[in-house]
């Protein structure tokens, strides 16, 4: 289970972000146009075709979009497998009250941490987390 989670984060997310940034930079460089990440994620082939870009630039853009979509699909599949197998122990439910921490990240933290009671204080846990165990 931890291997699945380690594959999902941060590797897949980082690679996906790299594709989004590459698309953003290509559009900014060649069209002097800033596009939001959410708009990049929804980019359709017809929209790429309509852009005032050279064919090689469009091809590069389509390749980045294809890789981004493939990564999104793999992330979705990994998260589905993780959530199907993982169960968050009661002492970790509070993690989900933190902005940006959902089910999968809470499970990741819980599995990497192990028994939270082994830490004498919140400070000891923070030190553990900061230094990667």
Protein backbone atom coordinates (compact mmCIF):
# COMPACT_ATOMS: atom_id res chain seq x y z
CA UNK A 1 0.00 0.00 0.00
CA UNK A 2 2.80 2.43 0.85
CA UNK A 3 4.45 1.65 -2.48
CA UNK A 4 1.25 2.66 -4.29
CA UNK A 5 1.11 5.88 -2.32
CA UNK A 6 4.75 6.66 -2.94
CA UNK A 7 4.19 6.15 -6.66
CA UNK A 8 1.27 8.54 -6.58
CA UNK A 9 2.88 11.27 -4.60
CA UNK A 10 4.86 13.25 -5.31
CA UNK A 11 6.13 11.64 -8.53
CA UNK A 12 2.95 11.55 -10.61
CA UNK A 13 1.73 14.93 -9.41
CA UNK A 14 5.12 16.53 -10.06
CA UNK A 15 5.27 15.09 -13.58
CA UNK A 16 1.73 16.28 -14.28
CA UNK A 17 2.60 19.76 -13.03
CA UNK A 18 5.68 19.75 -15.27
CA UNK A 19 3.43 19.13 -18.28
CA UNK A 20 1.04 21.92 -17.29
CA UNK A 21 3.94 24.35 -16.84
CA UNK A 22 5.40 23.33 -20.20
CA UNK A 23 2.06 24.01 -21.90
CA UNK A 24 1.75 27.33 -20.07
CA UNK A 25 5.25 28.36 -21.13
CA UNK A 26 4.71 27.35 -24.76
CA UNK A 27 1.55 29.45 -24.96
CA UNK A 28 3.10 32.42 -23.16
CA UNK A 29 6.25 32.32 -25.30
CA UNK A 30 4.53 31.94 -28.67
CA UNK A 31 1.22 33.72 -28.19
CA UNK A 32 2.05 36.16 -25.39
CA UNK A 33 -0.95 34.62 -23.66
CA UNK A 34 -1.25 33.54 -20.03
CA UNK A 35 -3.55 30.56 -19.53
CA UNK A 36 -4.74 29.32 -16.14
CA UNK A 37 -3.88 25.78 -15.06
CA UNK A 38 -7.55 24.80 -14.92
CA UNK A 39 -8.02 25.98 -18.53
CA UNK A 40 -4.96 23.97 -19.59
CA UNK A 41 -6.41 20.85 -17.97
CA UNK A 42 -9.58 21.27 -20.07
CA UNK A 43 -7.76 22.01 -23.35
CA UNK A 44 -9.34 20.19 -26.31
CA UNK A 45 -7.74 19.20 -29.62
CA UNK A 46 -10.03 21.55 -31.53
CA UNK A 47 -8.89 24.44 -29.35
CA UNK A 48 -5.25 23.55 -30.02
CA UNK A 49 -5.97 23.44 -33.77
CA UNK A 50 -7.48 26.94 -33.59
CA UNK A 51 -4.40 28.48 -31.95
CA UNK A 52 -2.13 30.72 -34.04
CA UNK A 53 0.84 28.37 -33.66
CA UNK A 54 3.14 26.61 -36.09
CA UNK A 55 2.27 22.96 -36.72
CA UNK A 56 5.34 21.77 -34.79
CA UNK A 57 4.28 23.91 -31.82
CA UNK A 58 0.77 22.43 -31.97
CA UNK A 59 2.28 18.94 -32.14
CA UNK A 60 4.42 19.68 -29.07
CA UNK A 61 1.35 21.06 -27.28
CA UNK A 62 -0.70 17.96 -28.13
CA UNK A 63 2.12 15.75 -26.82
CA UNK A 64 2.21 17.65 -23.51
CA UNK A 65 -1.57 17.42 -23.21
CA UNK A 66 -1.51 13.67 -23.96
CA UNK A 67 1.15 13.04 -21.29
CA UNK A 68 -0.75 15.23 -18.79
CA UNK A 69 -3.96 13.25 -19.43
CA UNK A 70 -2.15 9.93 -19.12
CA UNK A 71 -0.71 11.02 -15.77
CA UNK A 72 -4.15 12.19 -14.60
CA UNK A 73 -5.58 8.78 -15.48
CA UNK A 74 -2.80 6.95 -13.64
CA UNK A 75 -3.26 9.18 -10.59
CA UNK A 76 -7.00 8.46 -10.67
CA UNK A 77 -6.37 4.70 -10.90
CA UNK A 78 -3.77 4.73 -8.11
CA UNK A 79 -6.01 6.79 -5.85
CA UNK A 80 -8.91 4.44 -6.54
CA UNK A 81 -6.82 1.43 -5.55
CA UNK A 82 -5.52 3.21 -2.45
CA UNK A 83 -8.98 4.26 -1.30
CA UNK A 84 -10.40 0.77 -1.98
CA UNK A 85 -7.79 -0.85 0.28
CA UNK A 86 -6.97 1.80 2.83
CA UNK A 87 -8.88 2.69 5.95
CA UNK A 88 -7.96 5.77 7.93
CA UNK A 89 -7.53 5.05 11.62
CA UNK A 90 -9.52 7.26 13.98
CA UNK A 91 -6.49 9.16 15.31
CA UNK A 92 -5.79 10.50 11.80
CA UNK A 93 -9.28 11.79 10.94
CA UNK A 94 -8.30 15.27 12.16
CA UNK A 95 -5.85 15.52 9.26
CA UNK A 96 -8.75 15.91 6.86
CA UNK A 97 -9.77 19.14 8.58
CA UNK A 98 -6.60 20.76 7.22
CA UNK A 99 -7.05 22.58 3.92
CA UNK A 100 -5.54 20.55 1.08
CA UNK A 101 -5.51 17.22 2.92
CA UNK A 102 -8.04 14.77 1.56
CA UNK A 103 -8.54 11.04 1.97
CA UNK A 104 -5.49 9.90 0.00
CA UNK A 105 -3.03 12.34 1.56
CA UNK A 106 -4.37 11.60 5.04
CA UNK A 107 -3.86 7.87 4.39
CA UNK A 108 -0.35 8.55 3.10
CA UNK A 109 0.57 10.50 6.23
CA UNK A 110 -0.97 7.82 8.45
CA UNK A 111 0.89 4.96 6.80
CA UNK A 112 4.21 6.79 6.79
CA UNK A 113 3.77 7.85 10.43
CA UNK A 114 2.67 4.53 11.89
CA UNK A 115 1.53 4.59 15.50
CA UNK A 116 1.14 8.29 16.32
CA UNK A 117 1.30 7.52 20.04
CA UNK A 118 5.01 6.73 19.73
CA UNK A 119 5.67 10.49 19.69
CA UNK A 120 5.91 12.12 23.10
CA UNK A 121 4.58 15.44 21.81
CA UNK A 122 3.34 17.25 18.72
CA UNK A 123 6.79 18.85 18.48
CA UNK A 124 8.46 15.43 18.32
CA UNK A 125 6.12 14.41 15.51
CA UNK A 126 6.77 17.70 13.68
CA UNK A 127 10.51 17.06 13.94
CA UNK A 128 10.03 13.52 12.60
CA UNK A 129 7.91 14.75 9.70
CA UNK A 130 10.32 17.58 8.85
CA UNK A 131 13.31 15.24 8.63
CA UNK A 132 11.53 12.39 6.85
CA UNK A 133 11.66 9.92 9.68
